[in-house]
Amino acid sequence: MDALYTAVATATHGREGRAVSSDGKLDLQLAMPVELGGNGQGTNPEQLFAAGYAACFASALGLVGRAAKVDVSEAAVTGEVGIGKQGEGFALKVTLRIELPDTVDETTGRKLVEQAHQVCPYSNATRGNIPVELVVE
């Protein structure tokens, strides 16, 4: 694969530090969530992953919608990224909640969501690595 774009970000001090993109547009204080024993006074990697996956999936849905001549421009995608213990380490799981416009029937909507799941780079990266549940609402 030849990269069309490469994002660059640096994190310091792990989950209790900062994450900064090379262009300075992203500059975030990181903190462990309260549920994992932190103070919750910053964002965490799971939130960043959830936001990135949701945005990417929404774009993929728009791509397949345009190809099928179905307007999904008002769709909303909510990403949920869970983290938990697995063996000696930790693992992730993802739920994507896709809210389609009322003008899209259930069968067409499900088909478009499945197609988006095949073309979305995040879906391709996670496939076979972490469980991803697609919920069409």
C-alpha atoms as a PDB file:
ATOM      1  CA  MET A   1       0.000   0.000   0.000  1.00  0.00           C
ATOM      2  CA  ASP A   2       1.270   3.452  -0.890  1.00  0.00           C
ATOM      3  CA  ALA A   3       0.143   5.881   1.791  1.00  0.00           C
ATOM      4  CA  LEU A   4      -1.808   8.879   0.495  1.00  0.00           C
ATOM      5  CA  TYR A   5      -1.429  10.577   3.874  1.00  0.00           C
ATOM      6  CA  THR A   6       0.462   9.775   7.052  1.00  0.00           C
ATOM      7  CA  ALA A   7      -0.630  11.173  10.411  1.00  0.00           C
ATOM      8  CA  VAL A   8       2.114  11.680  12.965  1.00  0.00           C
ATOM      9  CA  ALA A   9       1.556  12.133  16.689  1.00  0.00           C
ATOM     10  CA  THR A  10       3.777  11.771  19.719  1.00  0.00           C
ATOM     11  CA  ALA A  11       2.631  10.683  23.170  1.00  0.00           C
ATOM     12  CA  THR A  12       4.734  11.273  26.257  1.00  0.00           C
ATOM     13  CA  HIS A  13       4.275   9.759  29.729  1.00  0.00           C
ATOM     14  CA  GLY A  14       1.741   7.191  28.517  1.00  0.00           C
ATOM     15  CA  ARG A  15      -1.820   7.481  29.723  1.00  0.00           C
ATOM     16  CA  GLU A  16      -0.920  10.301  32.126  1.00  0.00           C
ATOM     17  CA  GLY A  17       0.848  12.563  29.645  1.00  0.00           C
ATOM     18  CA  ARG A  18       0.192  14.465  26.430  1.00  0.00           C
ATOM     19  CA  ALA A  19      -0.500  13.555  22.832  1.00  0.00           C
ATOM     20  CA  VAL A  20       0.522  16.079  20.190  1.00  0.00           C
ATOM     21  CA  SER A  21       0.246  15.828  16.409  1.00  0.00           C
ATOM     22  CA  SER A  22       3.160  16.911  14.244  1.00  0.00           C
ATOM     23  CA  ASP A  23       1.169  19.892  12.937  1.00  0.00           C
ATOM     24  CA  GLY A  24       0.081  20.946  16.440  1.00  0.00           C
ATOM     25  CA  LYS A  25      -3.638  20.750  15.622  1.00  0.00           C
ATOM     26  CA  LEU A  26      -4.070  17.965  18.155  1.00  0.00           C
ATOM     27  CA  ASP A  27      -2.649  18.707  21.592  1.00  0.00           C
ATOM     28  CA  LEU A  28      -4.355  16.774  24.350  1.00  0.00           C
ATOM     29  CA  GLN A  29      -3.820  16.125  28.015  1.00  0.00           C
ATOM     30  CA  LEU A  30      -4.138  12.383  28.600  1.00  0.00           C
ATOM     31  CA  ALA A  31      -5.473  10.763  31.740  1.00  0.00           C
ATOM     32  CA  MET A  32      -6.623   7.365  32.869  1.00  0.00           C
ATOM     33  CA  PRO A  33     -10.413   7.121  33.079  1.00  0.00           C
ATOM     34  CA  VAL A  34     -11.873   7.007  36.563  1.00  0.00           C
ATOM     35  CA  GLU A  35     -13.078   3.445  35.850  1.00  0.00           C
ATOM     36  CA  LEU A  36      -9.440   2.358  35.521  1.00  0.00           C
ATOM     37  CA  GLY A  37      -8.266   4.172  38.640  1.00  0.00           C
ATOM     38  CA  GLY A  38      -7.346   7.510  37.087  1.00  0.00           C
ATOM     39  CA  ASN A  39      -8.559  11.012  37.741  1.00  0.00           C
ATOM     40  CA  GLY A  40     -10.359  11.321  34.391  1.00  0.00           C
ATOM     41  CA  GLN A  41      -9.000  14.853  33.914  1.00  0.00           C
ATOM     42  CA  GLY A  42      -8.014  14.284  30.289  1.00  0.00           C
ATOM     43  CA  THR A  43      -8.890  12.183  27.283  1.00  0.00           C
ATOM     44  CA  ASN A  44      -7.720   8.602  26.904  1.00  0.00           C
ATOM     45  CA  PRO A  45      -6.638   6.385  24.006  1.00  0.00           C
ATOM     46  CA  GLU A  46      -9.968   4.562  23.917  1.00  0.00           C
ATOM     47  CA  GLN A  47     -11.842   7.845  23.383  1.00  0.00           C
ATOM     48  CA  LEU A  48      -9.449   8.790  20.585  1.00  0.00           C
ATOM     49  CA  PHE A  49      -9.898   5.390  18.945  1.00  0.00           C
ATOM     50  CA  ALA A  50     -13.697   5.604  19.297  1.00  0.00           C
ATOM     51  CA  ALA A  51     -13.767   9.066  17.689  1.00  0.00           C
ATOM     52  CA  GLY A  52     -11.414   8.077  14.873  1.00  0.00           C
ATOM     53  CA  TYR A  53     -13.264   4.861  14.070  1.00  0.00           C
ATOM     54  CA  ALA A  54     -16.669   6.584  14.162  1.00  0.00           C
ATOM     55  CA  ALA A  55     -15.516   9.363  11.819  1.00  0.00           C
ATOM     56  CA  CYS A  56     -13.820   6.963   9.424  1.00  0.00           C
ATOM     57  CA  PHE A  57     -16.821   4.622   9.353  1.00  0.00           C
ATOM     58  CA  ALA A  58     -19.178   7.553   8.689  1.00  0.00           C
ATOM     59  CA  SER A  59     -17.015   8.513   5.706  1.00  0.00           C
ATOM     60  CA  ALA A  60     -17.008   4.935   4.420  1.00  0.00           C
ATOM     61  CA  LEU A  61     -20.798   4.844   4.783  1.00  0.00           C
ATOM     62  CA  GLY A  62     -21.048   8.056   2.773  1.00  0.00           C
ATOM     63  CA  LEU A  63     -18.835   6.555   0.065  1.00  0.00           C
ATOM     64  CA  VAL A  64     -20.932   3.407  -0.352  1.00  0.00           C
ATOM     65  CA  GLY A  65     -24.140   5.428  -0.030  1.00  0.00           C
ATOM     66  CA  ARG A  66     -23.134   7.720  -2.886  1.00  0.00           C
ATOM     67  CA  ALA A  67     -22.187   4.711  -5.028  1.00  0.00           C
ATOM     68  CA  ALA A  68     -25.636   3.198  -4.354  1.00  0.00           C
ATOM     69  CA  LYS A  69     -27.344   6.582  -4.873  1.00  0.00           C
ATOM     70  CA  VAL A  70     -28.714   6.510  -1.324  1.00  0.00           C
ATOM     71  CA  ASP A  71     -28.463   9.692   0.750  1.00  0.00           C
ATOM     72  CA  VAL A  72     -26.900   8.824   4.097  1.00  0.00           C
ATOM     73  CA  SER A  73     -25.391  12.274   4.649  1.00  0.00           C
ATOM     74  CA  GLU A  74     -27.401  12.701   7.860  1.00  0.00           C
ATOM     75  CA  ALA A  75     -26.242   9.390   9.345  1.00  0.00           C
ATOM     76  CA  ALA A  76     -24.511   9.448  12.727  1.00  0.00           C
ATOM     77  CA  VAL A  77     -21.975   6.888  13.920  1.00  0.00           C
ATOM     78  CA  THR A  78     -21.175   6.469  17.592  1.00  0.00           C
ATOM     79  CA  GLY A  79     -18.087   4.463  18.474  1.00  0.00           C
ATOM     80  CA  GLU A  80     -17.799   2.618  21.760  1.00  0.00           C
ATOM     81  CA  VAL A  81     -14.397   1.169  22.625  1.00  0.00           C
ATOM     82  CA  GLY A  82     -14.171  -1.091  25.653  1.00  0.00           C
ATOM     83  CA  ILE A  83     -10.963  -2.173  27.329  1.00  0.00           C
ATOM     84  CA  GLY A  84     -10.588  -5.068  29.725  1.00  0.00           C
ATOM     85  CA  LYS A  85      -8.283  -7.763  30.977  1.00  0.00           C
ATOM     86  CA  GLN A  86      -7.468 -10.645  28.680  1.00  0.00           C
ATOM     87  CA  GLY A  87      -5.042 -13.210  29.997  1.00  0.00           C
ATOM     88  CA  GLU A  88      -1.960 -11.409  31.279  1.00  0.00           C
ATOM     89  CA  GLY A  89      -2.693  -8.260  29.266  1.00  0.00           C
ATOM     90  CA  PHE A  90      -5.547  -6.166  28.026  1.00  0.00           C
ATOM     91  CA  ALA A  91      -7.837  -6.300  24.995  1.00  0.00           C
ATOM     92  CA  LEU A  92     -10.286  -4.046  23.202  1.00  0.00           C
ATOM     93  CA  LYS A  93     -13.779  -4.477  21.822  1.00  0.00           C
ATOM     94  CA  VAL A  94     -15.753  -2.089  19.638  1.00  0.00           C
ATOM     95  CA  THR A  95     -19.413  -1.372  19.102  1.00  0.00           C
ATOM     96  CA  LEU A  96     -20.421   0.964  16.297  1.00  0.00           C
ATOM     97  CA  ARG A  97     -23.929   2.358  16.600  1.00  0.00           C
ATOM     98  CA  ILE A  98     -25.106   3.617  13.222  1.00  0.00           C
ATOM     99  CA  GLU A  99     -28.148   5.870  13.148  1.00  0.00           C
ATOM    100  CA  LEU A 100     -29.429   6.096   9.586  1.00  0.00           C
ATOM    101  CA  PRO A 101     -31.825   8.706   8.221  1.00  0.00           C
ATOM    102  CA  ASP A 102     -35.507   7.732   8.352  1.00  0.00           C
ATOM    103  CA  THR A 103     -35.564   7.806   4.546  1.00  0.00           C
ATOM    104  CA  VAL A 104     -33.350   4.693   4.387  1.00  0.00           C
ATOM    105  CA  ASP A 105     -35.218   1.405   4.777  1.00  0.00           C
ATOM    106  CA  GLU A 106     -33.852  -1.253   7.125  1.00  0.00           C
ATOM    107  CA  THR A 107     -32.703  -3.703   4.431  1.00  0.00           C
ATOM    108  CA  THR A 108     -30.893  -1.057   2.392  1.00  0.00           C
ATOM    109  CA  GLY A 109     -29.387   0.452   5.530  1.00  0.00           C
ATOM    110  CA  ARG A 110     -28.025  -2.883   6.765  1.00  0.00           C
ATOM    111  CA  LYS A 111     -26.547  -3.588   3.314  1.00  0.00           C
ATOM    112  CA  LEU A 112     -24.813  -0.194   3.216  1.00  0.00           C
ATOM    113  CA  VAL A 113     -23.458  -0.643   6.747  1.00  0.00           C
ATOM    114  CA  GLU A 114     -22.028  -4.046   5.826  1.00  0.00           C
ATOM    115  CA  GLN A 115     -20.447  -2.574   2.679  1.00  0.00           C
ATOM    116  CA  ALA A 116     -18.968   0.291   4.695  1.00  0.00           C
ATOM    117  CA  HIS A 117     -17.504  -2.266   7.097  1.00  0.00           C
ATOM    118  CA  GLN A 118     -15.664  -3.829   4.138  1.00  0.00           C
ATOM    119  CA  VAL A 119     -14.100  -0.570   2.916  1.00  0.00           C
ATOM    120  CA  CYS A 120     -13.445   1.327   6.175  1.00  0.00           C
ATOM    121  CA  PRO A 121      -9.698   1.287   6.978  1.00  0.00           C
ATOM    122  CA  TYR A 122     -10.395   0.945  10.716  1.00  0.00           C
ATOM    123  CA  SER A 123     -12.656  -2.042  10.054  1.00  0.00           C
ATOM    124  CA  ASN A 124      -9.982  -3.617   7.873  1.00  0.00           C
ATOM    125  CA  ALA A 125      -7.336  -3.003  10.541  1.00  0.00           C
ATOM    126  CA  THR A 126      -9.422  -4.500  13.340  1.00  0.00           C
ATOM    127  CA  ARG A 127     -10.917  -7.441  11.415  1.00  0.00           C
ATOM    128  CA  GLY A 128      -9.778 -10.679  13.033  1.00  0.00           C
ATOM    129  CA  ASN A 129      -8.000  -8.775  15.808  1.00  0.00           C
ATOM    130  CA  ILE A 130     -10.780  -7.403  18.006  1.00  0.00           C
ATOM    131  CA  PRO A 131     -14.519  -7.974  18.032  1.00  0.00           C
ATOM    132  CA  VAL A 132     -16.527  -5.273  16.259  1.00  0.00           C
ATOM    133  CA  GLU A 133     -20.300  -5.217  16.638  1.00  0.00           C
ATOM    134  CA  LEU A 134     -22.379  -3.196  14.166  1.00  0.00           C
ATOM    135  CA  VAL A 135     -25.684  -1.938  15.568  1.00  0.00           C
ATOM    136  CA  VAL A 136     -28.020  -0.255  13.067  1.00  0.00           C
ATOM    137  CA  GLU A 137     -30.457   2.015  14.852  1.00  0.00           C
END
